Protein backbone atom coordinates (compact mmCIF):
# COMPACT_ATOMS: atom_id res chain seq x y z
CA LEU A 1 13.78 -49.52 34.08
CA ALA A 2 10.54 -50.10 36.52
CA GLY A 3 12.66 -52.31 38.96
CA GLY A 4 15.82 -50.08 38.50
CA GLY A 5 17.51 -50.75 35.47
CA THR A 6 19.27 -48.54 33.38
CA LEU A 7 19.09 -47.86 29.61
CA PHE A 8 21.01 -46.17 26.92
CA ALA A 9 19.46 -45.33 23.57
CA SER A 10 20.87 -43.85 20.51
CA GLY A 11 20.48 -44.05 16.57
CA SER A 12 18.95 -42.22 13.55
CA TYR A 13 15.59 -41.60 13.82
CA VAL A 14 15.17 -42.35 17.61
CA ALA A 15 12.29 -40.30 18.29
CA ALA A 16 11.72 -38.97 14.84
CA ASP A 17 10.24 -42.55 13.66
CA LEU A 18 7.73 -42.19 16.74
CA TRP A 19 6.19 -39.23 15.55
CA ALA A 20 5.90 -40.55 12.00
CA GLU A 21 2.93 -39.99 10.22
CA GLY A 22 0.68 -43.44 11.07
CA THR A 23 2.89 -44.73 14.32
CA PRO A 24 0.77 -45.93 16.85
CA GLU A 25 -0.12 -43.52 19.95
CA GLU A 26 1.79 -46.14 22.24
CA GLY A 27 5.15 -45.50 20.50
CA ARG A 28 4.85 -41.72 21.58
CA ALA A 29 3.90 -43.16 25.03
CA PHE A 30 6.84 -45.10 25.34
CA ALA A 31 9.10 -42.43 24.12
CA ARG A 32 7.74 -39.97 26.79
CA GLU A 33 7.19 -42.49 30.10
CA VAL A 34 9.70 -44.57 29.38
CA LEU A 35 12.74 -42.82 27.50
CA HIS A 36 11.95 -39.31 29.09
CA CYS A 37 11.77 -37.15 25.92
CA ALA A 38 10.29 -36.05 23.14
CA LEU A 39 10.23 -35.14 19.44
CA ASP A 40 11.17 -31.66 19.09
CA THR A 41 12.08 -31.62 15.17
CA TRP A 42 14.13 -33.90 12.51
CA ARG A 43 17.05 -32.70 10.72
CA ALA A 44 17.82 -30.62 13.74
CA ALA A 45 21.67 -30.13 12.42
CA GLU A 46 24.03 -30.05 9.49
CA ARG A 47 27.15 -29.59 11.12
CA GLY A 48 28.08 -32.73 13.21
CA ARG A 49 28.82 -30.81 16.60
CA VAL A 50 27.51 -31.28 19.61
CA ARG A 51 28.19 -29.56 23.13
CA VAL A 52 27.76 -30.91 26.94
CA VAL A 53 25.33 -27.87 28.33
CA THR A 54 24.48 -29.93 31.97
CA ALA A 55 26.33 -29.02 34.97
CA HIS A 56 25.90 -32.88 35.88
CA LYS A 57 28.84 -34.27 38.14
CA ASP A 58 28.89 -37.20 35.73
CA PHE A 59 28.71 -35.91 32.26
CA SER A 60 32.34 -33.67 31.34
CA ARG A 61 32.22 -30.91 29.63
CA GLY A 62 33.47 -30.44 26.15
CA GLU A 63 32.26 -31.00 22.46
CA TYR A 64 31.72 -34.35 20.02
CA ARG A 65 32.01 -34.30 16.49
CA PHE A 66 29.87 -36.93 14.78
CA ASN A 67 30.20 -37.96 10.87
CA ASP A 68 28.15 -35.76 8.85
CA GLU A 69 29.31 -36.29 5.26
CA TYR A 70 29.49 -38.94 2.83
CA ARG A 71 32.24 -41.35 3.30
CA PRO A 72 32.57 -45.18 1.96
CA ASP A 73 34.54 -45.88 5.72
CA ARG A 74 31.73 -44.10 7.78
CA TYR A 75 28.51 -44.35 8.63
CA ILE A 76 26.45 -40.81 8.12
CA VAL A 77 24.25 -38.54 9.92
CA GLU A 78 21.61 -37.02 7.60
CA SER A 79 19.23 -36.22 9.70
CA PRO A 80 20.09 -36.08 13.44
CA ASP A 81 16.66 -35.67 15.77
CA ALA A 82 16.38 -32.71 18.15
CA LEU A 83 14.79 -34.16 21.31
CA LYS A 84 13.00 -32.51 24.38
CA PRO A 85 12.99 -34.05 27.69
CA VAL A 86 9.94 -34.93 29.15
CA GLY A 87 9.04 -35.18 33.14
CA ALA A 88 10.63 -33.25 36.27
CA GLU A 89 13.74 -35.82 36.49
CA ALA A 90 14.48 -35.24 32.89
CA PHE A 91 17.25 -32.94 31.46
CA ALA A 92 19.29 -31.90 28.47
CA VAL A 93 22.86 -33.22 28.57
CA MET A 94 24.16 -31.86 24.95
CA ARG A 95 23.17 -29.46 22.41
CA TYR A 96 23.67 -29.16 18.73
CA ASP A 97 26.30 -26.23 17.95
CA ASP A 98 24.17 -25.05 14.80
CA ASN A 99 21.10 -23.77 16.66
CA GLY A 100 20.96 -24.95 20.24
CA ARG A 101 18.50 -27.53 20.20
CA THR A 102 18.70 -30.71 22.65
CA ALA A 103 20.75 -33.47 21.25
CA GLY A 104 21.04 -36.02 24.37
CA VAL A 105 18.90 -36.27 27.36
CA ALA A 106 19.56 -38.00 30.65
CA CYS A 107 17.04 -38.85 33.40
CA ASP A 108 17.32 -39.83 36.83
CA ALA A 109 13.47 -41.21 37.64
CA GLY A 110 13.76 -44.77 38.87
CA GLY A 111 15.75 -46.03 36.27
CA ARG A 112 18.04 -43.92 34.44
CA THR A 113 18.11 -43.29 30.90
CA PHE A 114 20.22 -41.52 28.47
CA VAL A 115 19.15 -41.01 24.94
CA MET A 116 20.94 -39.30 21.89
CA GLY A 117 19.28 -38.03 18.79
CA PHE A 118 22.01 -39.36 16.49
CA PRO A 119 24.06 -42.95 16.52
CA PHE A 120 27.01 -43.14 19.24
CA GLU A 121 28.75 -45.23 16.60
CA SER A 122 29.17 -42.07 14.32
CA LEU A 123 31.55 -40.23 16.37
CA PRO A 124 34.69 -41.21 14.43
CA ASP A 125 36.90 -39.91 16.98
CA SER A 126 37.78 -43.24 19.10
CA VAL A 127 38.72 -40.70 22.08
CA GLN A 128 35.48 -39.06 22.23
CA ARG A 129 34.09 -41.97 21.69
CA ASP A 130 35.47 -43.20 25.08
CA ARG A 131 35.25 -40.22 26.72
CA LEU A 132 31.01 -40.26 26.36
CA MET A 133 30.58 -43.95 27.03
CA ARG A 134 32.84 -43.49 30.36
CA ASP A 135 30.58 -40.60 31.06
CA VAL A 136 26.85 -42.00 29.87
CA LEU A 137 28.11 -45.45 32.12
CA ARG A 138 28.99 -43.08 35.29
CA PHE A 139 25.85 -41.65 35.06
CA LEU A 140 23.58 -44.62 34.43
CA PHE A 141 25.39 -46.89 37.27
CA SER A 142 26.96 -44.25 39.94
CA ASP A 143 24.75 -43.75 43.30
CA LYS A 144 22.41 -41.15 43.32
């Protein structure tokens, strides 16, 4: 990132683990300084629906659904993280439908980052996965 690279991170507890009791401050510093996000809250949503809220040119408007129910063939997201953008260049990309908390944060400071508070692979719909990955890659690699 320091040399202008890019980073895409998603997952269960992507921020919550860094704010867990007993976690060294270096983890939280990494989230704030490198990922450009902080934990707002864990267990941020129950319905598994997010909406794109940014007007940034690289992100398509629309809704995404991640798996929030027990099924033998799908990974369940039991506790998605709500994130807070950190830094002047960081901004919310998606919000949870349940409560409007931030589900995805992007940053255009130096190297570009995109962080989601739930796992990318939990999107069961291939069309939604393709659209989101296309948008993320366009953001990470497009000219400013």
